[in-house]
C-alpha cells in the first residue's frame, strides 16, 4: 500500500478525494492541473491496490477513498511531509 501512495501525485489525488468525499477524472484533472491520461493511470494504480473504488454515475465514475484506515494513513503522511518541509525550510507539497 505504501508503495502505491509513495508518488506525490497519487498522494495529492488521495488528498483531493478525501476532501471532496468523491471526484471524477474531470474534477481531478482540473484540481491537479494534470492531463486526463496521467490522472487515469494514477487512479488505476490506486484502485488496483484497493485504496480507492469507483462507482459509475451515468457516463462518469465517481472515485472515493475506500475506508477510514486508509484516510488515517494518508493524513498522517501528509502531516509528516508538511512538518519535514517546515523543519527543513523547504516548500511543502501542494495538493
PDB file of N, CA and C in Angstrom:
ATOM      1  N   UNK A   1       0.816  -1.193   0.000  1.00  0.00           N
ATOM      2  CA  UNK A   1       0.000   0.000   0.000  1.00  0.00           C
ATOM      3  C   UNK A   1       0.858   1.255   0.000  1.00  0.00           C
ATOM      4  N   UNK A   2       1.897   1.277   0.804  1.00  0.00           N
ATOM      5  CA  UNK A   2       2.729   2.474   0.874  1.00  0.00           C
ATOM      6  C   UNK A   2       3.426   2.763  -0.452  1.00  0.00           C
ATOM      7  N   UNK A   3       3.782   1.725  -1.167  1.00  0.00           N
ATOM      8  CA  UNK A   3       4.412   1.923  -2.467  1.00  0.00           C
ATOM      9  C   UNK A   3       3.449   2.624  -3.429  1.00  0.00           C
ATOM     10  N   UNK A   4       2.171   2.304  -3.341  1.00  0.00           N
ATOM     11  CA  UNK A   4       1.175   2.912  -4.226  1.00  0.00           C
ATOM     12  C   UNK A   4       0.980   4.391  -3.927  1.00  0.00           C
ATOM     13  N   UNK A   5       1.124   4.792  -2.671  1.00  0.00           N
ATOM     14  CA  UNK A   5       0.925   6.204  -2.337  1.00  0.00           C
ATOM     15  C   UNK A   5       2.231   6.974  -2.212  1.00  0.00           C
ATOM     16  N   UNK A   6       3.344   6.329  -2.535  1.00  0.00           N
ATOM     17  CA  UNK A   6       4.640   6.996  -2.439  1.00  0.00           C
ATOM     18  C   UNK A   6       4.815   8.097  -3.481  1.00  0.00           C
ATOM     19  N   UNK A   7       4.119   8.008  -4.588  1.00  0.00           N
ATOM     20  CA  UNK A   7       4.214   9.023  -5.636  1.00  0.00           C
ATOM     21  C   UNK A   7       3.475  10.283  -5.187  1.00  0.00           C
ATOM     22  N   UNK A   8       4.109  11.451  -5.262  1.00  0.00           N
ATOM     23  CA  UNK A   8       3.467  12.687  -4.800  1.00  0.00           C
ATOM     24  C   UNK A   8       2.123  12.984  -5.474  1.00  0.00           C
ATOM     25  N   UNK A   9       1.990  12.658  -6.747  1.00  0.00           N
ATOM     26  CA  UNK A   9       0.727  12.913  -7.439  1.00  0.00           C
ATOM     27  C   UNK A   9      -0.389  12.035  -6.878  1.00  0.00           C
ATOM     28  N   UNK A  10      -0.075  10.776  -6.603  1.00  0.00           N
ATOM     29  CA  UNK A  10      -1.097   9.890  -6.049  1.00  0.00           C
ATOM     30  C   UNK A  10      -1.490  10.319  -4.639  1.00  0.00           C
ATOM     31  N   UNK A  11      -0.531  10.793  -3.872  1.00  0.00           N
ATOM     32  CA  UNK A  11      -0.828  11.293  -2.535  1.00  0.00           C
ATOM     33  C   UNK A  11      -1.738  12.520  -2.622  1.00  0.00           C
ATOM     34  N   UNK A  12      -1.461  13.394  -3.563  1.00  0.00           N
ATOM     35  CA  UNK A  12      -2.320  14.571  -3.777  1.00  0.00           C
ATOM     36  C   UNK A  12      -3.714  14.159  -4.242  1.00  0.00           C
ATOM     37  N   UNK A  13      -3.782  13.166  -5.100  1.00  0.00           N
ATOM     38  CA  UNK A  13      -5.081  12.693  -5.574  1.00  0.00           C
ATOM     39  C   UNK A  13      -5.905  12.141  -4.416  1.00  0.00           C
ATOM     40  N   UNK A  14      -5.273  11.374  -3.553  1.00  0.00           N
ATOM     41  CA  UNK A  14      -5.973  10.828  -2.393  1.00  0.00           C
ATOM     42  C   UNK A  14      -6.441  11.954  -1.475  1.00  0.00           C
ATOM     43  N   UNK A  15      -5.609  12.965  -1.322  1.00  0.00           N
ATOM     44  CA  UNK A  15      -5.984  14.121  -0.513  1.00  0.00           C
ATOM     45  C   UNK A  15      -7.213  14.813  -1.108  1.00  0.00           C
ATOM     46  N   UNK A  16      -7.232  14.989  -2.413  1.00  0.00           N
ATOM     47  CA  UNK A  16      -8.396  15.586  -3.083  1.00  0.00           C
ATOM     48  C   UNK A  16      -9.643  14.732  -2.889  1.00  0.00           C
ATOM     49  N   UNK A  17      -9.493  13.445  -3.054  1.00  0.00           N
ATOM     50  CA  UNK A  17     -10.638  12.549  -2.887  1.00  0.00           C
ATOM     51  C   UNK A  17     -11.181  12.599  -1.461  1.00  0.00           C
ATOM     52  N   UNK A  18     -10.301  12.714  -0.492  1.00  0.00           N
ATOM     53  CA  UNK A  18     -10.741  12.769   0.900  1.00  0.00           C
ATOM     54  C   UNK A  18     -11.429  14.091   1.208  1.00  0.00           C
ATOM     55  N   UNK A  19     -10.928  15.181   0.663  1.00  0.00           N
ATOM     56  CA  UNK A  19     -11.518  16.484   0.969  1.00  0.00           C
ATOM     57  C   UNK A  19     -12.841  16.700   0.241  1.00  0.00           C
ATOM     58  N   UNK A  20     -13.043  16.009  -0.887  1.00  0.00           N
ATOM     59  CA  UNK A  20     -14.276  16.173  -1.657  1.00  0.00           C
ATOM     60  C   UNK A  20     -15.248  15.016  -1.462  1.00  0.00           C
ATOM     61  N   UNK A  21     -14.887  14.048  -0.685  1.00  0.00           N
ATOM     62  CA  UNK A  21     -15.640  12.811  -0.495  1.00  0.00           C
ATOM     63  C   UNK A  21     -15.543  11.911  -1.722  1.00  0.00           C
ATOM     64  N   UNK A  22     -15.795  12.453  -2.908  1.00  0.00           N
ATOM     65  CA  UNK A  22     -15.609  11.695  -4.139  1.00  0.00           C
ATOM     66  C   UNK A  22     -15.452  12.666  -5.295  1.00  0.00           C
ATOM     67  N   UNK A  23     -14.753  12.213  -6.327  1.00  0.00           N
ATOM     68  CA  UNK A  23     -14.475  13.045  -7.504  1.00  0.00           C
ATOM     69  C   UNK A  23     -14.450  12.163  -8.738  1.00  0.00           C
ATOM     70  N   UNK A  24     -14.634  12.788  -9.886  1.00  0.00           N
ATOM     71  CA  UNK A  24     -14.441  12.077 -11.148  1.00  0.00           C
ATOM     72  C   UNK A  24     -13.120  12.535 -11.770  1.00  0.00           C
ATOM     73  N   UNK A  25     -12.751  11.931 -12.889  1.00  0.00           N
ATOM     74  CA  UNK A  25     -11.475  12.235 -13.539  1.00  0.00           C
ATOM     75  C   UNK A  25     -11.405  13.706 -13.943  1.00  0.00           C
ATOM     76  N   UNK A  26     -12.495  14.245 -14.461  1.00  0.00           N
ATOM     77  CA  UNK A  26     -12.512  15.646 -14.904  1.00  0.00           C
ATOM     78  C   UNK A  26     -12.216  16.594 -13.751  1.00  0.00           C
ATOM     79  N   UNK A  27     -12.821  16.355 -12.609  1.00  0.00           N
ATOM     80  CA  UNK A  27     -12.593  17.203 -11.432  1.00  0.00           C
ATOM     81  C   UNK A  27     -11.141  17.125 -10.978  1.00  0.00           C
ATOM     82  N   UNK A  28     -10.601  15.914 -10.921  1.00  0.00           N
ATOM     83  CA  UNK A  28      -9.199  15.751 -10.519  1.00  0.00           C
ATOM     84  C   UNK A  28      -8.249  16.409 -11.518  1.00  0.00           C
ATOM     85  N   UNK A  29      -8.564  16.307 -12.794  1.00  0.00           N
ATOM     86  CA  UNK A  29      -7.742  16.936 -13.835  1.00  0.00           C
ATOM     87  C   UNK A  29      -7.661  18.442 -13.614  1.00  0.00           C
ATOM     88  N   UNK A  30      -8.792  19.047 -13.321  1.00  0.00           N
ATOM     89  CA  UNK A  30      -8.837  20.493 -13.096  1.00  0.00           C
ATOM     90  C   UNK A  30      -8.135  20.889 -11.801  1.00  0.00           C
ATOM     91  N   UNK A  31      -8.363  20.140 -10.733  1.00  0.00           N
ATOM     92  CA  UNK A  31      -7.768  20.472  -9.438  1.00  0.00           C
ATOM     93  C   UNK A  31      -6.254  20.315  -9.426  1.00  0.00           C
ATOM     94  N   UNK A  32      -5.765  19.280 -10.111  1.00  0.00           N
ATOM     95  CA  UNK A  32      -4.338  18.957 -10.042  1.00  0.00           C
ATOM     96  C   UNK A  32      -3.543  19.437 -11.248  1.00  0.00           C
ATOM     97  N   UNK A  33      -4.235  20.026 -12.224  1.00  0.00           N
ATOM     98  CA  UNK A  33      -3.583  20.572 -13.418  1.00  0.00           C
ATOM     99  C   UNK A  33      -2.706  19.539 -14.129  1.00  0.00           C
ATOM    100  N   UNK A  34      -3.287  18.365 -14.310  1.00  0.00           N
ATOM    101  CA  UNK A  34      -2.596  17.272 -14.988  1.00  0.00           C
ATOM    102  C   UNK A  34      -3.470  16.761 -16.122  1.00  0.00           C
ATOM    103  N   UNK A  35      -2.858  16.182 -17.155  1.00  0.00           N
ATOM    104  CA  UNK A  35      -3.653  15.625 -18.254  1.00  0.00           C
ATOM    105  C   UNK A  35      -4.523  14.454 -17.787  1.00  0.00           C
ATOM    106  N   UNK A  36      -5.609  14.254 -18.490  1.00  0.00           N
ATOM    107  CA  UNK A  36      -6.552  13.186 -18.164  1.00  0.00           C
ATOM    108  C   UNK A  36      -5.874  11.828 -18.145  1.00  0.00           C
ATOM    109  N   UNK A  37      -4.976  11.587 -19.080  1.00  0.00           N
ATOM    110  CA  UNK A  37      -4.304  10.284 -19.144  1.00  0.00           C
ATOM    111  C   UNK A  37      -3.451  10.020 -17.900  1.00  0.00           C
ATOM    112  N   UNK A  38      -2.805  11.054 -17.396  1.00  0.00           N
ATOM    113  CA  UNK A  38      -1.986  10.923 -16.181  1.00  0.00           C
ATOM    114  C   UNK A  38      -2.866  10.591 -14.981  1.00  0.00           C
ATOM    115  N   UNK A  39      -3.956  11.329 -14.849  1.00  0.00           N
ATOM    116  CA  UNK A  39      -4.886  11.095 -13.739  1.00  0.00           C
ATOM    117  C   UNK A  39      -5.440   9.671 -13.806  1.00  0.00           C
ATOM    118  N   UNK A  40      -5.844   9.248 -14.996  1.00  0.00           N
ATOM    119  CA  UNK A  40      -6.419   7.910 -15.159  1.00  0.00           C
ATOM    120  C   UNK A  40      -5.423   6.816 -14.801  1.00  0.00           C
ATOM    121  N   UNK A  41      -4.163   6.987 -15.196  1.00  0.00           N
ATOM    122  CA  UNK A  41      -3.139   5.988 -14.871  1.00  0.00           C
ATOM    123  C   UNK A  41      -2.928   5.880 -13.365  1.00  0.00           C
ATOM    124  N   UNK A  42      -2.883   7.027 -12.694  1.00  0.00           N
ATOM    125  CA  UNK A  42      -2.692   7.013 -11.245  1.00  0.00           C
ATOM    126  C   UNK A  42      -3.915   6.433 -10.530  1.00  0.00           C
ATOM    127  N   UNK A  43      -5.114   6.762 -11.017  1.00  0.00           N
ATOM    128  CA  UNK A  43      -6.324   6.191 -10.429  1.00  0.00           C
ATOM    129  C   UNK A  43      -6.323   4.672 -10.568  1.00  0.00           C
ATOM    130  N   UNK A  44      -5.883   4.192 -11.707  1.00  0.00           N
ATOM    131  CA  UNK A  44      -5.818   2.748 -11.938  1.00  0.00           C
ATOM    132  C   UNK A  44      -4.888   2.079 -10.934  1.00  0.00           C
ATOM    133  N   UNK A  45      -3.754   2.687 -10.694  1.00  0.00           N
ATOM    134  CA  UNK A  45      -2.786   2.150  -9.732  1.00  0.00           C
ATOM    135  C   UNK A  45      -3.383   2.125  -8.322  1.00  0.00           C
ATOM    136  N   UNK A  46      -4.027   3.221  -7.919  1.00  0.00           N
ATOM    137  CA  UNK A  46      -4.637   3.289  -6.598  1.00  0.00           C
ATOM    138  C   UNK A  46      -5.766   2.267  -6.452  1.00  0.00           C
ATOM    139  N   UNK A  47      -6.543   2.108  -7.511  1.00  0.00           N
ATOM    140  CA  UNK A  47      -7.651   1.158  -7.480  1.00  0.00           C
ATOM    141  C   UNK A  47      -7.134  -0.279  -7.401  1.00  0.00           C
ATOM    142  N   UNK A  48      -6.074  -0.581  -8.149  1.00  0.00           N
ATOM    143  CA  UNK A  48      -5.531  -1.944  -8.142  1.00  0.00           C
ATOM    144  C   UNK A  48      -4.950  -2.330  -6.782  1.00  0.00           C
ATOM    145  N   UNK A  49      -4.551  -1.331  -5.988  1.00  0.00           N
ATOM    146  CA  UNK A  49      -4.037  -1.595  -4.638  1.00  0.00           C
ATOM    147  C   UNK A  49      -5.140  -1.529  -3.579  1.00  0.00           C
ATOM    148  N   UNK A  50      -6.373  -1.331  -4.015  1.00  0.00           N
ATOM    149  CA  UNK A  50      -7.503  -1.350  -3.090  1.00  0.00           C
ATOM    150  C   UNK A  50      -7.647  -0.108  -2.237  1.00  0.00           C
ATOM    151  N   UNK A  51      -7.025   1.000  -2.645  1.00  0.00           N
ATOM    152  CA  UNK A  51      -7.093   2.235  -1.852  1.00  0.00           C
ATOM    153  C   UNK A  51      -8.318   3.075  -2.189  1.00  0.00           C
ATOM    154  N   UNK A  52      -8.794   2.960  -3.425  1.00  0.00           N
ATOM    155  CA  UNK A  52      -9.976   3.702  -3.851  1.00  0.00           C
ATOM    156  C   UNK A  52     -10.928   2.747  -4.552  1.00  0.00           C
ATOM    157  N   UNK A  53     -12.141   3.200  -4.707  1.00  0.00           N
ATOM    158  CA  UNK A  53     -13.113   2.455  -5.510  1.00  0.00           C
ATOM    159  C   UNK A  53     -13.905   3.470  -6.312  1.00  0.00           C
ATOM    160  N   UNK A  54     -14.450   3.000  -7.409  1.00  0.00           N
ATOM    161  CA  UNK A  54     -15.224   3.865  -8.281  1.00  0.00           C
ATOM    162  C   UNK A  54     -16.641   3.359  -8.438  1.00  0.00           C
ATOM    163  N   UNK A  55     -17.564   4.302  -8.549  1.00  0.00           N
ATOM    164  CA  UNK A  55     -18.965   3.959  -8.755  1.00  0.00           C
ATOM    165  C   UNK A  55     -19.463   4.731  -9.974  1.00  0.00           C
ATOM    166  N   UNK A  56     -19.988   3.993 -10.939  1.00  0.00           N
ATOM    167  CA  UNK A  56     -20.473   4.615 -12.166  1.00  0.00           C
ATOM    168  C   UNK A  56     -21.722   5.431 -11.870  1.00  0.00           C
ATOM    169  N   UNK A  57     -21.731   6.663 -12.404  1.00  0.00           N
ATOM    170  CA  UNK A  57     -22.869   7.563 -12.288  1.00  0.00           C
ATOM    171  C   UNK A  57     -23.120   8.128 -13.686  1.00  0.00           C
ATOM    172  N   UNK A  58     -23.938   7.454 -14.467  1.00  0.00           N
ATOM    173  CA  UNK A  58     -24.130   7.844 -15.870  1.00  0.00           C
ATOM    174  C   UNK A  58     -22.893   7.496 -16.659  1.00  0.00           C
ATOM    175  N   UNK A  59     -22.308   8.501 -17.316  1.00  0.00           N
ATOM    176  CA  UNK A  59     -21.097   8.261 -18.102  1.00  0.00           C
ATOM    177  C   UNK A  59     -19.824   8.484 -17.289  1.00  0.00           C
ATOM    178  N   UNK A  60     -19.964   8.951 -16.056  1.00  0.00           N
ATOM    179  CA  UNK A  60     -18.808   9.243 -15.214  1.00  0.00           C
ATOM    180  C   UNK A  60     -18.631   8.178 -14.140  1.00  0.00           C
ATOM    181  N   UNK A  61     -17.420   8.087 -13.651  1.00  0.00           N
ATOM    182  CA  UNK A  61     -17.135   7.235 -12.496  1.00  0.00           C
ATOM    183  C   UNK A  61     -16.701   8.149 -11.364  1.00  0.00           C
ATOM    184  N   UNK A  62     -17.374   8.051 -10.235  1.00  0.00           N
ATOM    185  CA  UNK A  62     -17.034   8.829  -9.051  1.00  0.00           C
ATOM    186  C   UNK A  62     -16.116   7.972  -8.176  1.00  0.00           C
ATOM    187  N   UNK A  63     -14.930   8.501  -7.892  1.00  0.00           N
ATOM    188  CA  UNK A  63     -13.947   7.770  -7.095  1.00  0.00           C
ATOM    189  C   UNK A  63     -13.954   8.281  -5.658  1.00  0.00           C
ATOM    190  N   UNK A  64     -13.664   7.370  -4.727  1.00  0.00           N
ATOM    191  CA  UNK A  64     -13.568   7.746  -3.316  1.00  0.00           C
ATOM    192  C   UNK A  64     -12.567   6.826  -2.624  1.00  0.00           C
ATOM    193  N   UNK A  65     -12.032   7.318  -1.516  1.00  0.00           N
ATOM    194  CA  UNK A  65     -11.114   6.527  -0.698  1.00  0.00           C
ATOM    195  C   UNK A  65     -11.934   5.450   0.002  1.00  0.00           C
ATOM    196  N   UNK A  66     -11.394   4.244   0.036  1.00  0.00           N
ATOM    197  CA  UNK A  66     -12.133   3.071   0.481  1.00  0.00           C
ATOM    198  C   UNK A  66     -12.558   3.120   1.949  1.00  0.00           C
ATOM    199  N   UNK A  67     -11.642   3.352   2.859  1.00  0.00           N
ATOM    200  CA  UNK A  67     -12.032   3.275   4.271  1.00  0.00           C
ATOM    201  C   UNK A  67     -11.273   4.265   5.138  1.00  0.00           C
ATOM    202  N   UNK A  68     -11.704   4.346   6.398  1.00  0.00           N
ATOM    203  CA  UNK A  68     -11.133   5.309   7.336  1.00  0.00           C
ATOM    204  C   UNK A  68      -9.685   4.995   7.697  1.00  0.00           C
ATOM    205  N   UNK A  69      -9.301   3.733   7.667  1.00  0.00           N
ATOM    206  CA  UNK A  69      -7.915   3.376   7.974  1.00  0.00           C
ATOM    207  C   UNK A  69      -6.964   3.965   6.925  1.00  0.00           C
ATOM    208  N   UNK A  70      -7.347   3.866   5.668  1.00  0.00           N
ATOM    209  CA  UNK A  70      -6.551   4.458   4.588  1.00  0.00           C
ATOM    210  C   UNK A  70      -6.491   5.974   4.757  1.00  0.00           C
ATOM    211  N   UNK A  71      -7.622   6.582   5.089  1.00  0.00           N
ATOM    212  CA  UNK A  71      -7.666   8.036   5.303  1.00  0.00           C
ATOM    213  C   UNK A  71      -6.730   8.456   6.432  1.00  0.00           C
ATOM    214  N   UNK A  72      -6.698   7.684   7.494  1.00  0.00           N
ATOM    215  CA  UNK A  72      -5.815   7.993   8.627  1.00  0.00           C
ATOM    216  C   UNK A  72      -4.349   7.945   8.214  1.00  0.00           C
ATOM    217  N   UNK A  73      -3.992   6.941   7.431  1.00  0.00           N
ATOM    218  CA  UNK A  73      -2.610   6.815   6.961  1.00  0.00           C
ATOM    219  C   UNK A  73      -2.242   7.988   6.055  1.00  0.00           C
ATOM    220  N   UNK A  74      -3.138   8.353   5.145  1.00  0.00           N
ATOM    221  CA  UNK A  74      -2.886   9.479   4.240  1.00  0.00           C
ATOM    222  C   UNK A  74      -2.701  10.764   5.032  1.00  0.00           C
ATOM    223  N   UNK A  75      -3.596  11.009   5.987  1.00  0.00           N
ATOM    224  CA  UNK A  75      -3.488  12.225   6.809  1.00  0.00           C
ATOM    225  C   UNK A  75      -2.175  12.262   7.580  1.00  0.00           C
ATOM    226  N   UNK A  76      -1.765  11.131   8.107  1.00  0.00           N
ATOM    227  CA  UNK A  76      -0.503  11.053   8.840  1.00  0.00           C
ATOM    228  C   UNK A  76       0.686  11.361   7.924  1.00  0.00           C
ATOM    229  N   UNK A  77       0.685  10.777   6.734  1.00  0.00           N
ATOM    230  CA  UNK A  77       1.768  11.032   5.780  1.00  0.00           C
ATOM    231  C   UNK A  77       1.819  12.497   5.356  1.00  0.00           C
ATOM    232  N   UNK A  78       0.668  13.079   5.056  1.00  0.00           N
ATOM    233  CA  UNK A  78       0.635  14.490   4.648  1.00  0.00           C
ATOM    234  C   UNK A  78       1.121  15.398   5.768  1.00  0.00           C
ATOM    235  N   UNK A  79       0.704  15.089   6.993  1.00  0.00           N
ATOM    236  CA  UNK A  79       1.140  15.878   8.144  1.00  0.00           C
ATOM    237  C   UNK A  79       2.654  15.783   8.321  1.00  0.00           C
ATOM    238  N   UNK A  80       3.187  14.571   8.199  1.00  0.00           N
ATOM    239  CA  UNK A  80       4.628  14.358   8.351  1.00  0.00           C
ATOM    240  C   UNK A  80       5.419  15.061   7.240  1.00  0.00           C
ATOM    241  N   UNK A  81       4.937  14.966   6.004  1.00  0.00           N
ATOM    242  CA  UNK A  81       5.609  15.647   4.889  1.00  0.00           C
ATOM    243  C   UNK A  81       5.616  17.149   5.085  1.00  0.00           C
ATOM    244  N   UNK A  82       4.490  17.672   5.543  1.00  0.00           N
ATOM    245  CA  UNK A  82       4.407  19.114   5.787  1.00  0.00           C
ATOM    246  C   UNK A  82       5.368  19.533   6.895  1.00  0.00           C
ATOM    247  N   UNK A  83       5.409  18.768   7.981  1.00  0.00           N
ATOM    248  CA  UNK A  83       6.297  19.098   9.090  1.00  0.00           C
ATOM    249  C   UNK A  83       7.764  19.016   8.678  1.00  0.00           C
ATOM    250  N   UNK A  84       8.120  17.993   7.889  1.00  0.00           N
ATOM    251  CA  UNK A  84       9.500  17.880   7.398  1.00  0.00           C
ATOM    252  C   UNK A  84       9.871  19.068   6.530  1.00  0.00           C
ATOM    253  N   UNK A  85       8.944  19.519   5.700  1.00  0.00           N
ATOM    254  CA  UNK A  85       9.208  20.672   4.840  1.00  0.00           C
ATOM    255  C   UNK A  85       9.435  21.924   5.683  1.00  0.00           C
ATOM    256  N   UNK A  86       8.625  22.099   6.718  1.00  0.00           N
ATOM    257  CA  UNK A  86       8.776  23.257   7.610  1.00  0.00           C
ATOM    258  C   UNK A  86      10.106  23.177   8.347  1.00  0.00           C
ATOM    259  N   UNK A  87      10.422  22.009   8.875  1.00  0.00           N
ATOM    260  CA  UNK A  87      11.675  21.835   9.620  1.00  0.00           C
ATOM    261  C   UNK A  87      12.900  22.088   8.754  1.00  0.00           C
ATOM    262  N   UNK A  88      12.823  21.711   7.499  1.00  0.00           N
ATOM    263  CA  UNK A  88      13.955  21.853   6.584  1.00  0.00           C
ATOM    264  C   UNK A  88      13.878  23.120   5.737  1.00  0.00           C
ATOM    265  N   UNK A  89      12.897  23.971   6.057  1.00  0.00           N
ATOM    266  CA  UNK A  89      12.683  25.224   5.335  1.00  0.00           C
ATOM    267  C   UNK A  89      12.545  24.995   3.835  1.00  0.00           C
ATOM    268  N   UNK A  90      11.798  23.958   3.492  1.00  0.00           N
ATOM    269  CA  UNK A  90      11.536  23.628   2.096  1.00  0.00           C
ATOM    270  C   UNK A  90      10.084  23.913   1.779  1.00  0.00           C
ATOM    271  N   UNK A  91       9.773  23.903   0.496  1.00  0.00           N
ATOM    272  CA  UNK A  91       8.394  24.092   0.079  1.00  0.00           C
ATOM    273  C   UNK A  91       7.635  22.791   0.247  1.00  0.00           C
ATOM    274  N   UNK A  92       6.487  22.876   0.903  1.00  0.00           N
ATOM    275  CA  UNK A  92       5.667  21.687   1.122  1.00  0.00           C
ATOM    276  C   UNK A  92       4.953  21.298  -0.176  1.00  0.00           C
ATOM    277  N   UNK A  93       4.587  20.041  -0.266  1.00  0.00           N
ATOM    278  CA  UNK A  93       3.806  19.560  -1.408  1.00  0.00           C
ATOM    279  C   UNK A  93       2.447  20.233  -1.374  1.00  0.00           C
ATOM    280  N   UNK A  94       2.075  20.857  -2.466  1.00  0.00           N
ATOM    281  CA  UNK A  94       0.764  21.492  -2.564  1.00  0.00           C
ATOM    282  C   UNK A  94      -0.193  20.567  -3.274  1.00  0.00           C
ATOM    283  N   UNK A  95      -1.298  20.258  -2.631  1.00  0.00           N
ATOM    284  CA  UNK A  95      -2.313  19.400  -3.231  1.00  0.00           C
ATOM    285  C   UNK A  95      -3.589  20.184  -3.426  1.00  0.00           C
TER     286      UNK A  95
END
